[in-house]
Every structure is written in C-alpha cells, then in structure tokens.
C-alpha cells in the first residue's frame, strides 16, 4: 500500500473559489421594493408632490396669516393679490387659508376612513381565511350581502338619519368599504396558511390570534400598502362629491367639498372661488394615484429581477 506523505500534497490555488463569490449582494424584499420605487421617476415626483401638499395644508394658514373664519364684508369677493393669494370668498374670508384648512380636513377624513377599512378588513378577512369551514361560509355571505347594497344609496341614507357631521360621514363611508380589503386578505391568507412556518407555529401550540398577527398579516403588508395608497384619494373624492351634492359636510366645517360647493353658487361671477379648491383636490388625488401606481410596480413580486 502506497505511503501518503505531505510532499504529495500542495495548496489549492484560491482563485478556484472566485467562481463561488457572490457578484451581487442579496437584498430583502423591502429593500428591492424601495430600490424600484426610487428608480421610478413618476413615483418620486408623486412623493415630492405629496410632501409639498402636506407642507401646504400644514403651514399655509400660518404663512398667510389671514383670517379664514371671521366675516369681513369690506373684503368680500376680492381677486387674488399679494395679501390674499387665492382671493376672498363671498363673506370676505381669505380663500388661501380656507383651502389649506379644507384640504387638511378632507385628508384627515380620508386617513381615518382608510385606517378603519384596513383594521376591520384585516381582522375580518384573517378570521375567515384562518378558521375556514362553516365560519368562513357565514362571514363570506355577510360580505356578499353588504357589497350587494348600492354604496351611494347607503351613504346618503346614513347621512340623512345621522346628520351631516364628521362622525356620520365616517360611518357612512366605512360601513361597506372594508369588504374589498377583507376579500383580498382572505385570498392571501388562505395561501399563506399552508406555509411551513405557520404549520410549525401550530405544532408548537401557538394561539391562532398570535399566528394571524405575527405570521399572516405581516406577510400581506404589500397588499395593505397598496390599499392605503389607493383608498385615500378615493375617500377624498367621495367626501368632496358628497359635500358638493349637499349631502356631506356643511359649514362651519371646512373641507374641499364644502369650498367647491360654496364656489359653485357664484361660479358665473367669481370662478376663482371654485377653481382653487378644485385644483388642490385634483393635485392631491393625482399625487396619491401616481404613488399608488409606483407602489404597485415596486411591490409586485412578479416584476422582481
């Protein structure tokens, strides 16, 4: 038998292992999504536009320094100038400050409705998908009944019964809006519930509510983010439409819909009183819609390279 000695061995050239080196560093799903979002010029533009809108509605009244509540008959229906950047309304109030405050109110309503939609939709859809069986059937039939009711008719009826105030508007717009989110969550979680990490958690005796909160819902965040980006402009537009039709918010509450409704009554004489609130409404809705499209492209796993 041949004897093995150290002279028969030689060090292996390290260059042979260069082929195993990772050329491109690995990135997480969210890092890849953020990279895609930054490379999308339309999405970047929409984020800058949204930031400008937030600064506008937050600091606008402070920068202007003009009164937007008290009536000033001497200054009524003044066109835009160096003091009143958007002019004044039929009661002499500064329109620039009122548009800022109105946009703030509309955005708050939209964010509150979106929050309720996401929370209720996640909880309802998660329970349906995780437990399944007869509970899923019953809860799904409830969703189908609610979605079969015309949303506009239901909203108008609620506003007539509860009155035209902020609380009634939130109830009216959120009563059925969560159903779409619940359907989406149900479909996503039904796919995730068969995952190995979910079965491992069940084997270890984890509580179902803990599994839903810790394993299932976090893995549907991409869908939830898209829901937020698309729901906020929808709620802003809905509030403005209802107020314009006289079934939404009313004075003394200031919103974009209220300002557009007020401007409509003097459209022939003072068109600027409806132009500026409508312009701000369009800019905010457009910015959110563009951001939603950018997020959809960034978060869609099928587009990952």
C-alpha atoms as a PDB file:
ATOM      1  CA  UNK A   1       0.000   0.000   0.000  1.00  0.00           C
ATOM      2  CA  UNK A   2       1.440   3.370  -1.051  1.00  0.00           C
ATOM      3  CA  UNK A   3       2.507   5.669   1.753  1.00  0.00           C
ATOM      4  CA  UNK A   4       0.988   9.163   1.806  1.00  0.00           C
ATOM      5  CA  UNK A   5       3.427  11.919   2.600  1.00  0.00           C
ATOM      6  CA  UNK A   6       2.981  15.665   2.783  1.00  0.00           C
ATOM      7  CA  UNK A   7       5.183  16.110  -0.276  1.00  0.00           C
ATOM      8  CA  UNK A   8       2.402  14.604  -2.365  1.00  0.00           C
ATOM      9  CA  UNK A   9       0.021  17.438  -1.388  1.00  0.00           C
ATOM     10  CA  UNK A  10       0.093  21.037  -2.493  1.00  0.00           C
ATOM     11  CA  UNK A  11      -2.096  24.019  -1.545  1.00  0.00           C
ATOM     12  CA  UNK A  12      -5.013  24.666  -3.816  1.00  0.00           C
ATOM     13  CA  UNK A  13      -4.965  27.975  -5.662  1.00  0.00           C
ATOM     14  CA  UNK A  14      -7.549  30.272  -4.025  1.00  0.00           C
ATOM     15  CA  UNK A  15      -8.550  31.650  -7.405  1.00  0.00           C
ATOM     16  CA  UNK A  16     -10.517  28.434  -7.934  1.00  0.00           C
ATOM     17  CA  UNK A  17     -13.058  29.670  -5.365  1.00  0.00           C
ATOM     18  CA  UNK A  18     -13.645  33.007  -7.082  1.00  0.00           C
ATOM     19  CA  UNK A  19     -16.477  31.487  -9.069  1.00  0.00           C
ATOM     20  CA  UNK A  20     -18.368  30.913  -5.805  1.00  0.00           C
ATOM     21  CA  UNK A  21     -18.197  34.569  -4.797  1.00  0.00           C
ATOM     22  CA  UNK A  22     -21.478  36.442  -4.735  1.00  0.00           C
ATOM     23  CA  UNK A  23     -21.334  39.013  -7.500  1.00  0.00           C
ATOM     24  CA  UNK A  24     -24.479  40.869  -6.449  1.00  0.00           C
ATOM     25  CA  UNK A  25     -25.264  41.247  -2.745  1.00  0.00           C
ATOM     26  CA  UNK A  26     -28.576  39.798  -1.676  1.00  0.00           C
ATOM     27  CA  UNK A  27     -31.343  42.229  -0.806  1.00  0.00           C
ATOM     28  CA  UNK A  28     -34.564  41.763   1.091  1.00  0.00           C
ATOM     29  CA  UNK A  29     -37.996  42.119  -0.455  1.00  0.00           C
ATOM     30  CA  UNK A  30     -38.491  45.590   1.038  1.00  0.00           C
ATOM     31  CA  UNK A  31     -35.011  46.767   0.021  1.00  0.00           C
ATOM     32  CA  UNK A  32     -35.718  45.670  -3.534  1.00  0.00           C
ATOM     33  CA  UNK A  33     -39.124  47.386  -3.478  1.00  0.00           C
ATOM     34  CA  UNK A  34     -37.579  50.635  -2.217  1.00  0.00           C
ATOM     35  CA  UNK A  35     -34.912  50.431  -4.941  1.00  0.00           C
ATOM     36  CA  UNK A  36     -37.599  50.017  -7.584  1.00  0.00           C
ATOM     37  CA  UNK A  37     -39.609  52.882  -6.152  1.00  0.00           C
ATOM     38  CA  UNK A  38     -36.600  55.243  -6.162  1.00  0.00           C
ATOM     39  CA  UNK A  39     -35.849  54.392  -9.785  1.00  0.00           C
ATOM     40  CA  UNK A  40     -39.400  55.230 -10.855  1.00  0.00           C
ATOM     41  CA  UNK A  41     -39.392  58.960 -11.750  1.00  0.00           C
ATOM     42  CA  UNK A  42     -43.181  59.225 -11.626  1.00  0.00           C
ATOM     43  CA  UNK A  43     -43.290  57.711  -8.132  1.00  0.00           C
ATOM     44  CA  UNK A  44     -40.527  60.050  -6.938  1.00  0.00           C
ATOM     45  CA  UNK A  45     -42.395  63.007  -8.422  1.00  0.00           C
ATOM     46  CA  UNK A  46     -45.606  61.930  -6.687  1.00  0.00           C
ATOM     47  CA  UNK A  47     -43.816  61.669  -3.325  1.00  0.00           C
ATOM     48  CA  UNK A  48     -42.340  65.161  -3.742  1.00  0.00           C
ATOM     49  CA  UNK A  49     -45.770  66.457  -4.745  1.00  0.00           C
ATOM     50  CA  UNK A  50     -47.389  64.837  -1.708  1.00  0.00           C
ATOM     51  CA  UNK A  51     -44.751  66.293   0.582  1.00  0.00           C
ATOM     52  CA  UNK A  52     -45.414  69.729  -0.895  1.00  0.00           C
ATOM     53  CA  UNK A  53     -49.162  69.235  -0.370  1.00  0.00           C
ATOM     54  CA  UNK A  54     -48.633  68.259   3.273  1.00  0.00           C
ATOM     55  CA  UNK A  55     -46.480  71.340   3.879  1.00  0.00           C
ATOM     56  CA  UNK A  56     -49.072  73.452   2.083  1.00  0.00           C
ATOM     57  CA  UNK A  57     -52.019  72.332   4.177  1.00  0.00           C
ATOM     58  CA  UNK A  58     -49.996  72.322   7.414  1.00  0.00           C
ATOM     59  CA  UNK A  59     -48.178  75.644   7.183  1.00  0.00           C
ATOM     60  CA  UNK A  60     -50.426  77.518   4.764  1.00  0.00           C
ATOM     61  CA  UNK A  61     -52.642  79.349   7.274  1.00  0.00           C
ATOM     62  CA  UNK A  62     -49.617  80.244   9.396  1.00  0.00           C
ATOM     63  CA  UNK A  63     -47.671  81.625   6.435  1.00  0.00           C
ATOM     64  CA  UNK A  64     -50.653  83.554   5.115  1.00  0.00           C
ATOM     65  CA  UNK A  65     -51.630  84.975   8.499  1.00  0.00           C
ATOM     66  CA  UNK A  66     -55.048  85.968   7.145  1.00  0.00           C
ATOM     67  CA  UNK A  67     -58.407  85.353   8.851  1.00  0.00           C
ATOM     68  CA  UNK A  68     -60.397  82.473   7.387  1.00  0.00           C
ATOM     69  CA  UNK A  69     -63.288  82.281   9.888  1.00  0.00           C
ATOM     70  CA  UNK A  70     -64.437  85.799  10.726  1.00  0.00           C
ATOM     71  CA  UNK A  71     -66.643  87.642   8.226  1.00  0.00           C
ATOM     72  CA  UNK A  72     -65.276  90.802   6.639  1.00  0.00           C
ATOM     73  CA  UNK A  73     -67.876  92.428   4.388  1.00  0.00           C
ATOM     74  CA  UNK A  74     -65.408  95.052   3.153  1.00  0.00           C
ATOM     75  CA  UNK A  75     -63.082  92.410   1.645  1.00  0.00           C
ATOM     76  CA  UNK A  76     -65.677  90.101   0.093  1.00  0.00           C
ATOM     77  CA  UNK A  77     -65.104  88.672  -3.404  1.00  0.00           C
ATOM     78  CA  UNK A  78     -61.654  90.215  -3.811  1.00  0.00           C
ATOM     79  CA  UNK A  79     -59.495  88.635  -6.541  1.00  0.00           C
ATOM     80  CA  UNK A  80     -56.050  87.217  -5.825  1.00  0.00           C
ATOM     81  CA  UNK A  81     -53.413  89.743  -4.796  1.00  0.00           C
ATOM     82  CA  UNK A  82     -50.241  89.946  -2.707  1.00  0.00           C
ATOM     83  CA  UNK A  83     -52.230  89.765   0.545  1.00  0.00           C
ATOM     84  CA  UNK A  84     -54.928  87.224  -0.361  1.00  0.00           C
ATOM     85  CA  UNK A  85     -53.134  84.750  -2.627  1.00  0.00           C
ATOM     86  CA  UNK A  86     -56.337  82.968  -3.705  1.00  0.00           C
ATOM     87  CA  UNK A  87     -58.612  85.974  -3.202  1.00  0.00           C
ATOM     88  CA  UNK A  88     -61.526  86.127  -0.745  1.00  0.00           C
ATOM     89  CA  UNK A  89     -64.922  84.435  -0.687  1.00  0.00           C
ATOM     90  CA  UNK A  90     -68.441  85.896  -0.589  1.00  0.00           C
ATOM     91  CA  UNK A  91     -68.048  86.696   3.132  1.00  0.00           C
ATOM     92  CA  UNK A  92     -64.602  88.289   2.864  1.00  0.00           C
ATOM     93  CA  UNK A  93     -62.637  85.356   4.282  1.00  0.00           C
ATOM     94  CA  UNK A  94     -59.175  84.512   2.961  1.00  0.00           C
ATOM     95  CA  UNK A  95     -59.601  81.721   0.416  1.00  0.00           C
ATOM     96  CA  UNK A  96     -55.993  80.523   0.547  1.00  0.00           C
ATOM     97  CA  UNK A  97     -56.207  79.779   4.266  1.00  0.00           C
ATOM     98  CA  UNK A  98     -59.627  78.181   3.852  1.00  0.00           C
ATOM     99  CA  UNK A  99     -58.337  75.901   1.088  1.00  0.00           C
ATOM    100  CA  UNK A 100     -55.429  74.827   3.325  1.00  0.00           C
ATOM    101  CA  UNK A 101     -57.752  74.080   6.255  1.00  0.00           C
ATOM    102  CA  UNK A 102     -60.276  72.379   3.964  1.00  0.00           C
ATOM    103  CA  UNK A 103     -57.633  70.138   2.409  1.00  0.00           C
ATOM    104  CA  UNK A 104     -56.455  69.230   5.906  1.00  0.00           C
ATOM    105  CA  UNK A 105     -59.984  68.218   6.938  1.00  0.00           C
ATOM    106  CA  UNK A 106     -60.527  66.181   3.766  1.00  0.00           C
ATOM    107  CA  UNK A 107     -57.201  64.402   4.248  1.00  0.00           C
ATOM    108  CA  UNK A 108     -57.969  63.632   7.903  1.00  0.00           C
ATOM    109  CA  UNK A 109     -61.342  62.138   6.919  1.00  0.00           C
ATOM    110  CA  UNK A 110     -59.666  60.035   4.216  1.00  0.00           C
ATOM    111  CA  UNK A 111     -56.911  58.763   6.531  1.00  0.00           C
ATOM    112  CA  UNK A 112     -59.408  57.918   9.285  1.00  0.00           C
ATOM    113  CA  UNK A 113     -61.623  56.003   6.848  1.00  0.00           C
ATOM    114  CA  UNK A 114     -58.631  54.169   5.411  1.00  0.00           C
ATOM    115  CA  UNK A 115     -57.446  53.199   8.894  1.00  0.00           C
ATOM    116  CA  UNK A 116     -60.868  51.790   9.780  1.00  0.00           C
ATOM    117  CA  UNK A 117     -61.052  49.955   6.461  1.00  0.00           C
ATOM    118  CA  UNK A 118     -57.636  48.336   6.916  1.00  0.00           C
ATOM    119  CA  UNK A 119     -58.163  47.328  10.562  1.00  0.00           C
ATOM    120  CA  UNK A 120     -61.642  45.879  10.060  1.00  0.00           C
ATOM    121  CA  UNK A 121     -60.775  44.278   6.716  1.00  0.00           C
ATOM    122  CA  UNK A 122     -57.597  42.644   8.090  1.00  0.00           C
ATOM    123  CA  UNK A 123     -59.327  41.263  11.169  1.00  0.00           C
ATOM    124  CA  UNK A 124     -62.401  40.031   9.322  1.00  0.00           C
ATOM    125  CA  UNK A 125     -60.502  38.552   6.361  1.00  0.00           C
ATOM    126  CA  UNK A 126     -57.885  36.960   8.616  1.00  0.00           C
ATOM    127  CA  UNK A 127     -60.516  35.197  10.744  1.00  0.00           C
ATOM    128  CA  UNK A 128     -62.360  33.967   7.640  1.00  0.00           C
ATOM    129  CA  UNK A 129     -59.264  32.545   5.977  1.00  0.00           C
ATOM    130  CA  UNK A 130     -57.582  31.039   9.033  1.00  0.00           C
ATOM    131  CA  UNK A 131     -60.523  29.190  10.568  1.00  0.00           C
ATOM    132  CA  UNK A 132     -62.374  28.368   7.340  1.00  0.00           C
ATOM    133  CA  UNK A 133     -65.240  25.877   7.345  1.00  0.00           C
ATOM    134  CA  UNK A 134     -68.744  26.991   8.265  1.00  0.00           C
ATOM    135  CA  UNK A 135     -67.436  30.206   9.847  1.00  0.00           C
ATOM    136  CA  UNK A 136     -65.846  31.215   6.563  1.00  0.00           C
ATOM    137  CA  UNK A 137     -69.097  30.472   4.718  1.00  0.00           C
ATOM    138  CA  UNK A 138     -71.227  32.555   7.092  1.00  0.00           C
ATOM    139  CA  UNK A 139     -68.833  35.500   7.181  1.00  0.00           C
ATOM    140  CA  UNK A 140     -68.412  35.433   3.407  1.00  0.00           C
ATOM    141  CA  UNK A 141     -72.188  35.564   2.901  1.00  0.00           C
ATOM    142  CA  UNK A 142     -72.314  38.639   5.149  1.00  0.00           C
ATOM    143  CA  UNK A 143     -69.686  40.318   2.972  1.00  0.00           C
ATOM    144  CA  UNK A 144     -71.637  39.473  -0.168  1.00  0.00           C
ATOM    145  CA  UNK A 145     -74.846  40.910   1.292  1.00  0.00           C
ATOM    146  CA  UNK A 146     -73.114  44.158   2.264  1.00  0.00           C
ATOM    147  CA  UNK A 147     -71.414  44.554  -1.114  1.00  0.00           C
ATOM    148  CA  UNK A 148     -74.718  43.992  -2.927  1.00  0.00           C
ATOM    149  CA  UNK A 149     -76.171  47.168  -1.378  1.00  0.00           C
ATOM    150  CA  UNK A 150     -75.542  50.288  -3.514  1.00  0.00           C
ATOM    151  CA  UNK A 151     -72.874  52.167  -1.559  1.00  0.00           C
ATOM    152  CA  UNK A 152     -74.005  55.647  -2.638  1.00  0.00           C
ATOM    153  CA  UNK A 153     -77.612  54.990  -1.633  1.00  0.00           C
ATOM    154  CA  UNK A 154     -76.497  53.588   1.730  1.00  0.00           C
ATOM    155  CA  UNK A 155     -74.215  56.571   2.319  1.00  0.00           C
ATOM    156  CA  UNK A 156     -76.981  59.058   1.566  1.00  0.00           C
ATOM    157  CA  UNK A 157     -79.425  57.263   3.871  1.00  0.00           C
ATOM    158  CA  UNK A 158     -76.939  57.246   6.748  1.00  0.00           C
ATOM    159  CA  UNK A 159     -76.198  60.948   6.286  1.00  0.00           C
ATOM    160  CA  UNK A 160     -79.926  61.716   6.306  1.00  0.00           C
ATOM    161  CA  UNK A 161     -80.502  59.714   9.502  1.00  0.00           C
ATOM    162  CA  UNK A 162     -77.383  60.661  11.499  1.00  0.00           C
ATOM    163  CA  UNK A 163     -76.997  64.207  10.236  1.00  0.00           C
ATOM    164  CA  UNK A 164     -74.318  65.921   8.200  1.00  0.00           C
ATOM    165  CA  UNK A 165     -71.368  65.815  10.571  1.00  0.00           C
ATOM    166  CA  UNK A 166     -67.911  64.272  10.668  1.00  0.00           C
ATOM    167  CA  UNK A 167     -68.930  61.180  12.661  1.00  0.00           C
ATOM    168  CA  UNK A 168     -71.836  60.362  10.375  1.00  0.00           C
ATOM    169  CA  UNK A 169     -69.600  60.782   7.324  1.00  0.00           C
ATOM    170  CA  UNK A 170     -67.040  58.334   8.719  1.00  0.00           C
ATOM    171  CA  UNK A 171     -69.741  55.750   9.444  1.00  0.00           C
ATOM    172  CA  UNK A 172     -71.344  56.221   6.036  1.00  0.00           C
ATOM    173  CA  UNK A 173     -68.129  55.820   4.051  1.00  0.00           C
ATOM    174  CA  UNK A 174     -66.675  52.966   6.125  1.00  0.00           C
ATOM    175  CA  UNK A 175     -69.765  50.784   6.535  1.00  0.00           C
ATOM    176  CA  UNK A 176     -69.094  48.657   3.464  1.00  0.00           C
ATOM    177  CA  UNK A 177     -65.686  49.856   2.226  1.00  0.00           C
ATOM    178  CA  UNK A 178     -63.812  47.267   4.310  1.00  0.00           C
ATOM    179  CA  UNK A 179     -65.408  44.384   2.407  1.00  0.00           C
ATOM    180  CA  UNK A 180     -62.963  44.632  -0.501  1.00  0.00           C
ATOM    181  CA  UNK A 181     -59.993  44.558   1.858  1.00  0.00           C
ATOM    182  CA  UNK A 182     -61.484  41.556   3.682  1.00  0.00           C
ATOM    183  CA  UNK A 183     -61.797  39.660   0.394  1.00  0.00           C
ATOM    184  CA  UNK A 184     -58.189  40.389  -0.523  1.00  0.00           C
ATOM    185  CA  UNK A 185     -56.923  39.387   2.899  1.00  0.00           C
ATOM    186  CA  UNK A 186     -58.933  36.178   2.791  1.00  0.00           C
ATOM    187  CA  UNK A 187     -57.387  35.164  -0.534  1.00  0.00           C
ATOM    188  CA  UNK A 188     -53.830  35.976   0.576  1.00  0.00           C
ATOM    189  CA  UNK A 189     -54.076  34.299   3.977  1.00  0.00           C
ATOM    190  CA  UNK A 190     -55.652  31.151   2.541  1.00  0.00           C
ATOM    191  CA  UNK A 191     -52.450  30.742   0.524  1.00  0.00           C
ATOM    192  CA  UNK A 192     -50.180  31.534   3.465  1.00  0.00           C
ATOM    193  CA  UNK A 193     -51.905  29.283   5.998  1.00  0.00           C
ATOM    194  CA  UNK A 194     -50.359  26.192   4.347  1.00  0.00           C
ATOM    195  CA  UNK A 195     -46.835  27.578   4.739  1.00  0.00           C
ATOM    196  CA  UNK A 196     -44.303  25.618   6.756  1.00  0.00           C
ATOM    197  CA  UNK A 197     -43.718  28.341   9.331  1.00  0.00           C
ATOM    198  CA  UNK A 198     -47.463  28.544  10.025  1.00  0.00           C
ATOM    199  CA  UNK A 199     -47.719  24.773  10.470  1.00  0.00           C
ATOM    200  CA  UNK A 200     -44.661  24.844  12.728  1.00  0.00           C
ATOM    201  CA  UNK A 201     -46.269  27.516  14.904  1.00  0.00           C
ATOM    202  CA  UNK A 202     -49.466  25.473  15.108  1.00  0.00           C
ATOM    203  CA  UNK A 203     -47.482  22.375  16.061  1.00  0.00           C
ATOM    204  CA  UNK A 204     -45.838  24.293  18.889  1.00  0.00           C
ATOM    205  CA  UNK A 205     -49.269  25.252  20.200  1.00  0.00           C
ATOM    206  CA  UNK A 206     -49.295  28.929  19.220  1.00  0.00           C
ATOM    207  CA  UNK A 207     -52.567  30.783  19.680  1.00  0.00           C
ATOM    208  CA  UNK A 208     -54.490  31.388  16.396  1.00  0.00           C
ATOM    209  CA  UNK A 209     -54.739  35.117  17.049  1.00  0.00           C
ATOM    210  CA  UNK A 210     -50.953  35.252  17.578  1.00  0.00           C
ATOM    211  CA  UNK A 211     -50.336  33.382  14.326  1.00  0.00           C
ATOM    212  CA  UNK A 212     -52.592  35.769  12.423  1.00  0.00           C
ATOM    213  CA  UNK A 213     -50.909  38.853  13.930  1.00  0.00           C
ATOM    214  CA  UNK A 214     -47.308  37.650  13.788  1.00  0.00           C
ATOM    215  CA  UNK A 215     -47.130  35.431  10.696  1.00  0.00           C
ATOM    216  CA  UNK A 216     -50.042  36.014   8.347  1.00  0.00           C
ATOM    217  CA  UNK A 217     -50.850  39.734   8.366  1.00  0.00           C
ATOM    218  CA  UNK A 218     -47.180  40.897   8.191  1.00  0.00           C
ATOM    219  CA  UNK A 219     -46.778  38.843   5.016  1.00  0.00           C
ATOM    220  CA  UNK A 220     -49.658  40.717   3.391  1.00  0.00           C
ATOM    221  CA  UNK A 221     -48.224  44.195   4.034  1.00  0.00           C
ATOM    222  CA  UNK A 222     -47.605  44.814   0.339  1.00  0.00           C
ATOM    223  CA  UNK A 223     -51.341  44.440  -0.371  1.00  0.00           C
ATOM    224  CA  UNK A 224     -52.212  46.648   2.594  1.00  0.00           C
ATOM    225  CA  UNK A 225     -49.822  49.399   1.479  1.00  0.00           C
ATOM    226  CA  UNK A 226     -51.405  49.394  -1.973  1.00  0.00           C
ATOM    227  CA  UNK A 227     -54.832  49.559  -0.339  1.00  0.00           C
ATOM    228  CA  UNK A 228     -53.802  52.615   1.662  1.00  0.00           C
ATOM    229  CA  UNK A 229     -52.343  54.399  -1.362  1.00  0.00           C
ATOM    230  CA  UNK A 230     -55.456  53.817  -3.464  1.00  0.00           C
ATOM    231  CA  UNK A 231     -58.101  54.261  -0.754  1.00  0.00           C
ATOM    232  CA  UNK A 232     -57.045  57.712   0.489  1.00  0.00           C
ATOM    233  CA  UNK A 233     -57.678  59.535  -2.829  1.00  0.00           C
ATOM    234  CA  UNK A 234     -60.929  57.630  -3.244  1.00  0.00           C
ATOM    235  CA  UNK A 235     -62.182  58.818   0.152  1.00  0.00           C
ATOM    236  CA  UNK A 236     -61.066  62.398  -0.536  1.00  0.00           C
ATOM    237  CA  UNK A 237     -63.013  62.395  -3.787  1.00  0.00           C
ATOM    238  CA  UNK A 238     -66.054  60.785  -2.145  1.00  0.00           C
ATOM    239  CA  UNK A 239     -66.126  63.390   0.631  1.00  0.00           C
ATOM    240  CA  UNK A 240     -65.835  66.206  -1.907  1.00  0.00           C
ATOM    241  CA  UNK A 241     -68.592  64.708  -4.063  1.00  0.00           C
ATOM    242  CA  UNK A 242     -70.990  64.287  -1.146  1.00  0.00           C
ATOM    243  CA  UNK A 243     -70.343  67.808   0.128  1.00  0.00           C
ATOM    244  CA  UNK A 244     -70.759  69.226  -3.372  1.00  0.00           C
ATOM    245  CA  UNK A 245     -74.127  67.467  -3.667  1.00  0.00           C
ATOM    246  CA  UNK A 246     -75.166  68.930  -0.312  1.00  0.00           C
ATOM    247  CA  UNK A 247     -75.164  65.555   1.490  1.00  0.00           C
ATOM    248  CA  UNK A 248     -71.727  65.688   3.084  1.00  0.00           C
ATOM    249  CA  UNK A 249     -70.148  68.133   5.497  1.00  0.00           C
ATOM    250  CA  UNK A 250     -71.543  71.621   5.946  1.00  0.00           C
ATOM    251  CA  UNK A 251     -70.460  74.933   7.441  1.00  0.00           C
ATOM    252  CA  UNK A 252     -68.925  75.671   9.899  1.00  0.00           C
ATOM    253  CA  UNK A 253     -66.823  72.618   8.976  1.00  0.00           C
ATOM    254  CA  UNK A 254     -64.373  73.493   6.198  1.00  0.00           C
ATOM    255  CA  UNK A 255     -63.442  70.853   3.636  1.00  0.00           C
ATOM    256  CA  UNK A 256     -62.576  70.876  -0.043  1.00  0.00           C
ATOM    257  CA  UNK A 257     -66.055  69.622  -0.871  1.00  0.00           C
ATOM    258  CA  UNK A 258     -67.660  72.413   1.158  1.00  0.00           C
ATOM    259  CA  UNK A 259     -65.490  75.045  -0.553  1.00  0.00           C
ATOM    260  CA  UNK A 260     -66.288  73.678  -4.010  1.00  0.00           C
ATOM    261  CA  UNK A 261     -69.987  73.672  -3.138  1.00  0.00           C
ATOM    262  CA  UNK A 262     -69.769  77.283  -1.932  1.00  0.00           C
ATOM    263  CA  UNK A 263     -67.873  78.321  -5.064  1.00  0.00           C
ATOM    264  CA  UNK A 264     -70.429  76.693  -7.322  1.00  0.00           C
ATOM    265  CA  UNK A 265     -73.079  79.193  -6.228  1.00  0.00           C
ATOM    266  CA  UNK A 266     -71.001  82.133  -7.556  1.00  0.00           C
ATOM    267  CA  UNK A 267     -69.366  80.333 -10.476  1.00  0.00           C
ATOM    268  CA  UNK A 268     -70.587  82.800 -13.107  1.00  0.00           C
ATOM    269  CA  UNK A 269     -69.317  85.899 -11.272  1.00  0.00           C
ATOM    270  CA  UNK A 270     -66.283  84.639  -9.357  1.00  0.00           C
ATOM    271  CA  UNK A 271     -64.997  81.408 -10.954  1.00  0.00           C
ATOM    272  CA  UNK A 272     -61.746  81.522  -8.963  1.00  0.00           C
ATOM    273  CA  UNK A 273     -63.693  80.580  -5.808  1.00  0.00           C
ATOM    274  CA  UNK A 274     -64.315  77.110  -7.220  1.00  0.00           C
ATOM    275  CA  UNK A 275     -61.143  76.880  -9.305  1.00  0.00           C
ATOM    276  CA  UNK A 276     -58.589  76.915  -6.463  1.00  0.00           C
ATOM    277  CA  UNK A 277     -60.287  74.292  -4.208  1.00  0.00           C
ATOM    278  CA  UNK A 278     -60.889  72.066  -7.242  1.00  0.00           C
ATOM    279  CA  UNK A 279     -57.272  72.466  -8.340  1.00  0.00           C
ATOM    280  CA  UNK A 280     -55.915  71.468  -4.916  1.00  0.00           C
ATOM    281  CA  UNK A 281     -58.304  68.491  -4.845  1.00  0.00           C
ATOM    282  CA  UNK A 282     -57.092  67.314  -8.260  1.00  0.00           C
ATOM    283  CA  UNK A 283     -53.416  67.702  -7.294  1.00  0.00           C
ATOM    284  CA  UNK A 284     -53.799  65.674  -4.093  1.00  0.00           C
ATOM    285  CA  UNK A 285     -55.808  62.908  -5.778  1.00  0.00           C
ATOM    286  CA  UNK A 286     -53.385  62.788  -8.714  1.00  0.00           C
ATOM    287  CA  UNK A 287     -50.365  62.556  -6.402  1.00  0.00           C
ATOM    288  CA  UNK A 288     -51.857  59.629  -4.480  1.00  0.00           C
ATOM    289  CA  UNK A 289     -52.884  57.833  -7.675  1.00  0.00           C
ATOM    290  CA  UNK A 290     -49.402  58.191  -9.176  1.00  0.00           C
ATOM    291  CA  UNK A 291     -47.850  56.968  -5.925  1.00  0.00           C
ATOM    292  CA  UNK A 292     -50.234  54.006  -5.917  1.00  0.00           C
ATOM    293  CA  UNK A 293     -49.134  53.044  -9.435  1.00  0.00           C
ATOM    294  CA  UNK A 294     -45.486  53.326  -8.419  1.00  0.00           C
ATOM    295  CA  UNK A 295     -46.021  51.198  -5.318  1.00  0.00           C
ATOM    296  CA  UNK A 296     -47.867  48.590  -7.357  1.00  0.00           C
ATOM    297  CA  UNK A 297     -44.894  48.271  -9.723  1.00  0.00           C
ATOM    298  CA  UNK A 298     -42.407  48.191  -6.836  1.00  0.00           C
ATOM    299  CA  UNK A 299     -44.217  45.696  -4.638  1.00  0.00           C
ATOM    300  CA  UNK A 300     -45.360  43.223  -7.294  1.00  0.00           C
ATOM    301  CA  UNK A 301     -43.126  40.138  -6.852  1.00  0.00           C
ATOM    302  CA  UNK A 302     -43.701  39.144 -10.492  1.00  0.00           C
ATOM    303  CA  UNK A 303     -41.679  42.195 -11.604  1.00  0.00           C
ATOM    304  CA  UNK A 304     -38.634  41.407  -9.446  1.00  0.00           C
ATOM    305  CA  UNK A 305     -35.390  40.672 -11.309  1.00  0.00           C
END
